[in-house]
């Protein structure tokens, strides 16, 4: 979505209309926003995560697609 920016300030779960209105969210919310249209188009997709990301004590979430049964991560 054009103009969508990362922000930790949005804490609640957002539906599609809220994503379009707010145009911001954390990595979990951004992954959810991308997942909705992928699945609606019949593209096999999921959300993947790590509990510690790099050298910080925080988690990270991203989308993964499946092509011919092989998972392909997209960040």
N, C-alpha and C. Protein backbone atom coordinates (compact mmCIF):
# COMPACT_ATOMS: atom_id res chain seq x y z
N UNK A 1 0.85 -1.17 0.00
CA UNK A 1 0.00 0.00 0.00
C UNK A 1 0.90 1.23 0.00
N UNK A 2 0.70 2.11 -0.90
CA UNK A 2 1.53 3.30 -1.01
C UNK A 2 1.38 4.17 0.23
N UNK A 3 2.51 4.59 0.78
CA UNK A 3 2.48 5.47 1.92
C UNK A 3 2.35 4.76 3.26
N UNK A 4 2.36 3.44 3.28
CA UNK A 4 2.25 2.70 4.54
C UNK A 4 3.59 2.76 5.25
N UNK A 5 3.60 3.16 6.52
CA UNK A 5 4.85 3.32 7.26
C UNK A 5 4.86 2.48 8.53
N UNK A 6 6.07 2.10 8.94
CA UNK A 6 6.24 1.36 10.19
C UNK A 6 6.01 2.28 11.37
N UNK A 7 5.27 1.78 12.36
CA UNK A 7 5.03 2.55 13.58
C UNK A 7 4.67 1.59 14.71
N UNK A 8 5.36 1.72 15.83
CA UNK A 8 5.01 0.93 17.02
C UNK A 8 3.87 1.54 17.82
N UNK A 9 3.40 2.71 17.41
CA UNK A 9 2.37 3.40 18.18
C UNK A 9 0.98 2.79 18.02
N UNK A 10 0.75 2.03 16.95
CA UNK A 10 -0.56 1.39 16.73
C UNK A 10 -0.54 0.03 17.41
N UNK A 11 -1.31 -0.13 18.48
CA UNK A 11 -1.27 -1.35 19.29
C UNK A 11 -2.42 -2.31 19.01
N UNK A 12 -3.56 -1.81 18.55
CA UNK A 12 -4.73 -2.66 18.37
C UNK A 12 -4.66 -3.42 17.03
N UNK A 13 -5.39 -4.51 16.96
CA UNK A 13 -5.52 -5.26 15.71
C UNK A 13 -6.36 -4.42 14.76
N UNK A 14 -5.93 -4.34 13.50
CA UNK A 14 -6.64 -3.52 12.52
C UNK A 14 -7.28 -4.40 11.45
N UNK A 15 -8.45 -3.99 11.00
CA UNK A 15 -9.06 -4.66 9.85
C UNK A 15 -8.61 -3.92 8.58
N UNK A 16 -9.03 -4.41 7.42
CA UNK A 16 -8.57 -3.84 6.15
C UNK A 16 -8.90 -2.35 6.02
N UNK A 17 -10.10 -1.95 6.43
CA UNK A 17 -10.50 -0.53 6.35
C UNK A 17 -9.62 0.35 7.23
N UNK A 18 -9.28 -0.14 8.41
CA UNK A 18 -8.42 0.63 9.31
C UNK A 18 -7.00 0.77 8.73
N UNK A 19 -6.49 -0.30 8.10
CA UNK A 19 -5.18 -0.23 7.45
C UNK A 19 -5.17 0.86 6.39
N UNK A 20 -6.22 0.90 5.58
CA UNK A 20 -6.29 1.89 4.50
C UNK A 20 -6.39 3.31 5.07
N UNK A 21 -7.07 3.46 6.19
CA UNK A 21 -7.24 4.79 6.79
C UNK A 21 -5.97 5.24 7.52
N UNK A 22 -5.42 4.38 8.38
CA UNK A 22 -4.27 4.75 9.22
C UNK A 22 -2.94 4.77 8.47
N UNK A 23 -2.77 3.83 7.55
CA UNK A 23 -1.54 3.69 6.75
C UNK A 23 -0.28 3.59 7.62
N UNK A 24 -0.40 2.96 8.79
CA UNK A 24 0.76 2.70 9.61
C UNK A 24 0.50 1.52 10.52
N UNK A 25 1.58 0.89 10.96
CA UNK A 25 1.48 -0.24 11.85
C UNK A 25 2.84 -0.86 12.10
N UNK A 26 2.89 -1.81 13.02
CA UNK A 26 4.15 -2.49 13.29
C UNK A 26 4.32 -3.66 12.32
N UNK A 27 5.40 -4.44 12.48
CA UNK A 27 5.68 -5.49 11.49
C UNK A 27 4.59 -6.57 11.48
N UNK A 28 3.99 -6.84 12.63
CA UNK A 28 2.89 -7.82 12.67
C UNK A 28 1.71 -7.31 11.85
N UNK A 29 1.34 -6.06 12.06
CA UNK A 29 0.22 -5.49 11.34
C UNK A 29 0.51 -5.34 9.85
N UNK A 30 1.75 -5.01 9.50
CA UNK A 30 2.11 -4.91 8.09
C UNK A 30 2.01 -6.29 7.42
N UNK A 31 2.44 -7.32 8.13
CA UNK A 31 2.35 -8.68 7.59
C UNK A 31 0.90 -9.11 7.40
N UNK A 32 0.04 -8.74 8.34
CA UNK A 32 -1.38 -9.05 8.22
C UNK A 32 -1.99 -8.32 7.03
N UNK A 33 -1.60 -7.06 6.84
CA UNK A 33 -2.15 -6.27 5.74
C UNK A 33 -1.82 -6.91 4.39
N UNK A 34 -0.62 -7.43 4.24
CA UNK A 34 -0.21 -8.06 2.99
C UNK A 34 -0.87 -9.44 2.84
N UNK A 35 -1.05 -10.13 3.96
CA UNK A 35 -1.61 -11.48 3.92
C UNK A 35 -3.04 -11.52 3.39
N UNK A 36 -3.87 -10.53 3.77
CA UNK A 36 -5.28 -10.52 3.36
C UNK A 36 -5.44 -10.60 1.84
N UNK A 37 -4.84 -9.70 1.05
CA UNK A 37 -5.05 -9.79 -0.40
C UNK A 37 -4.37 -11.00 -1.04
N UNK A 38 -3.22 -11.43 -0.49
CA UNK A 38 -2.57 -12.62 -1.06
C UNK A 38 -3.48 -13.82 -0.97
N UNK A 39 -4.05 -14.05 0.19
CA UNK A 39 -4.95 -15.20 0.36
C UNK A 39 -6.23 -15.04 -0.45
N UNK A 40 -6.73 -13.81 -0.54
CA UNK A 40 -7.95 -13.56 -1.32
C UNK A 40 -7.72 -13.88 -2.80
N UNK A 41 -6.49 -13.70 -3.27
CA UNK A 41 -6.15 -14.02 -4.66
C UNK A 41 -5.77 -15.49 -4.85
N UNK A 42 -5.84 -16.27 -3.78
CA UNK A 42 -5.53 -17.69 -3.87
C UNK A 42 -4.05 -18.02 -3.81
N UNK A 43 -3.24 -17.06 -3.38
CA UNK A 43 -1.80 -17.28 -3.27
C UNK A 43 -1.52 -17.88 -1.89
N UNK A 44 -0.88 -19.05 -1.83
CA UNK A 44 -0.60 -19.65 -0.53
C UNK A 44 0.44 -18.83 0.22
N UNK A 45 0.03 -18.22 1.31
CA UNK A 45 0.91 -17.34 2.08
C UNK A 45 0.65 -17.52 3.56
N UNK A 46 1.65 -17.18 4.35
CA UNK A 46 1.54 -17.27 5.80
C UNK A 46 2.37 -16.16 6.43
N UNK A 47 2.35 -16.10 7.74
CA UNK A 47 3.18 -15.15 8.49
C UNK A 47 4.20 -15.97 9.26
N UNK A 48 5.45 -15.56 9.19
CA UNK A 48 6.54 -16.22 9.91
C UNK A 48 7.13 -15.24 10.90
N UNK A 49 7.90 -15.72 11.87
CA UNK A 49 8.44 -14.83 12.89
C UNK A 49 9.69 -15.40 13.55
N UNK A 50 10.42 -14.54 14.22
CA UNK A 50 11.52 -14.93 15.11
C UNK A 50 11.26 -14.25 16.46
N UNK A 51 11.67 -14.90 17.54
CA UNK A 51 11.40 -14.33 18.86
C UNK A 51 12.46 -13.30 19.27
N UNK A 52 13.65 -13.36 18.66
CA UNK A 52 14.69 -12.37 18.89
C UNK A 52 15.26 -12.00 17.54
N UNK A 53 15.35 -10.70 17.26
CA UNK A 53 15.75 -10.22 15.94
C UNK A 53 17.10 -9.51 16.04
N UNK A 54 18.13 -10.05 15.41
CA UNK A 54 19.44 -9.41 15.39
C UNK A 54 20.03 -9.28 16.78
N UNK A 55 20.52 -8.11 17.08
CA UNK A 55 21.14 -7.90 18.38
C UNK A 55 20.24 -7.13 19.35
N UNK A 56 18.95 -7.19 19.14
CA UNK A 56 17.99 -6.55 20.04
C UNK A 56 17.05 -7.59 20.62
N UNK A 57 16.48 -7.32 21.75
CA UNK A 57 15.57 -8.26 22.41
C UNK A 57 14.13 -8.03 21.98
N UNK A 58 13.91 -8.05 20.68
CA UNK A 58 12.57 -7.87 20.15
C UNK A 58 12.32 -8.92 19.07
N UNK A 59 11.05 -9.18 18.83
CA UNK A 59 10.69 -10.15 17.79
C UNK A 59 10.55 -9.44 16.44
N UNK A 60 10.37 -10.24 15.40
CA UNK A 60 10.13 -9.69 14.07
C UNK A 60 9.21 -10.63 13.32
N UNK A 61 8.35 -10.07 12.50
CA UNK A 61 7.36 -10.83 11.74
C UNK A 61 7.43 -10.44 10.28
N UNK A 62 7.24 -11.42 9.37
CA UNK A 62 7.26 -11.15 7.94
C UNK A 62 6.38 -12.18 7.24
N UNK A 63 6.14 -11.97 5.96
CA UNK A 63 5.32 -12.89 5.18
C UNK A 63 6.18 -13.93 4.47
N UNK A 64 5.57 -15.07 4.23
CA UNK A 64 6.21 -16.13 3.46
C UNK A 64 5.20 -16.67 2.46
N UNK A 65 5.66 -16.91 1.25
CA UNK A 65 4.83 -17.49 0.19
C UNK A 65 5.29 -18.91 -0.07
N UNK A 66 4.43 -19.69 -0.67
CA UNK A 66 4.80 -21.04 -1.06
C UNK A 66 4.72 -21.16 -2.57
N UNK A 67 5.84 -21.55 -3.18
CA UNK A 67 5.89 -21.80 -4.62
C UNK A 67 6.28 -23.25 -4.84
N UNK A 68 5.40 -24.00 -5.48
CA UNK A 68 5.64 -25.43 -5.71
C UNK A 68 6.00 -26.17 -4.44
N UNK A 69 5.33 -25.81 -3.34
CA UNK A 69 5.54 -26.48 -2.07
C UNK A 69 6.78 -26.04 -1.31
N UNK A 70 7.51 -25.04 -1.81
CA UNK A 70 8.72 -24.56 -1.16
C UNK A 70 8.43 -23.16 -0.61
N UNK A 71 8.77 -22.97 0.67
CA UNK A 71 8.53 -21.67 1.31
C UNK A 71 9.56 -20.66 0.84
N UNK A 72 9.07 -19.46 0.48
CA UNK A 72 9.92 -18.35 0.06
C UNK A 72 9.61 -17.17 0.96
N UNK A 73 10.59 -16.76 1.79
CA UNK A 73 10.38 -15.64 2.71
C UNK A 73 10.45 -14.33 1.96
N UNK A 74 9.55 -13.41 2.32
CA UNK A 74 9.62 -12.05 1.81
C UNK A 74 9.59 -11.12 3.01
N UNK A 75 10.50 -10.20 3.10
CA UNK A 75 10.58 -9.30 4.26
C UNK A 75 10.15 -7.91 3.88
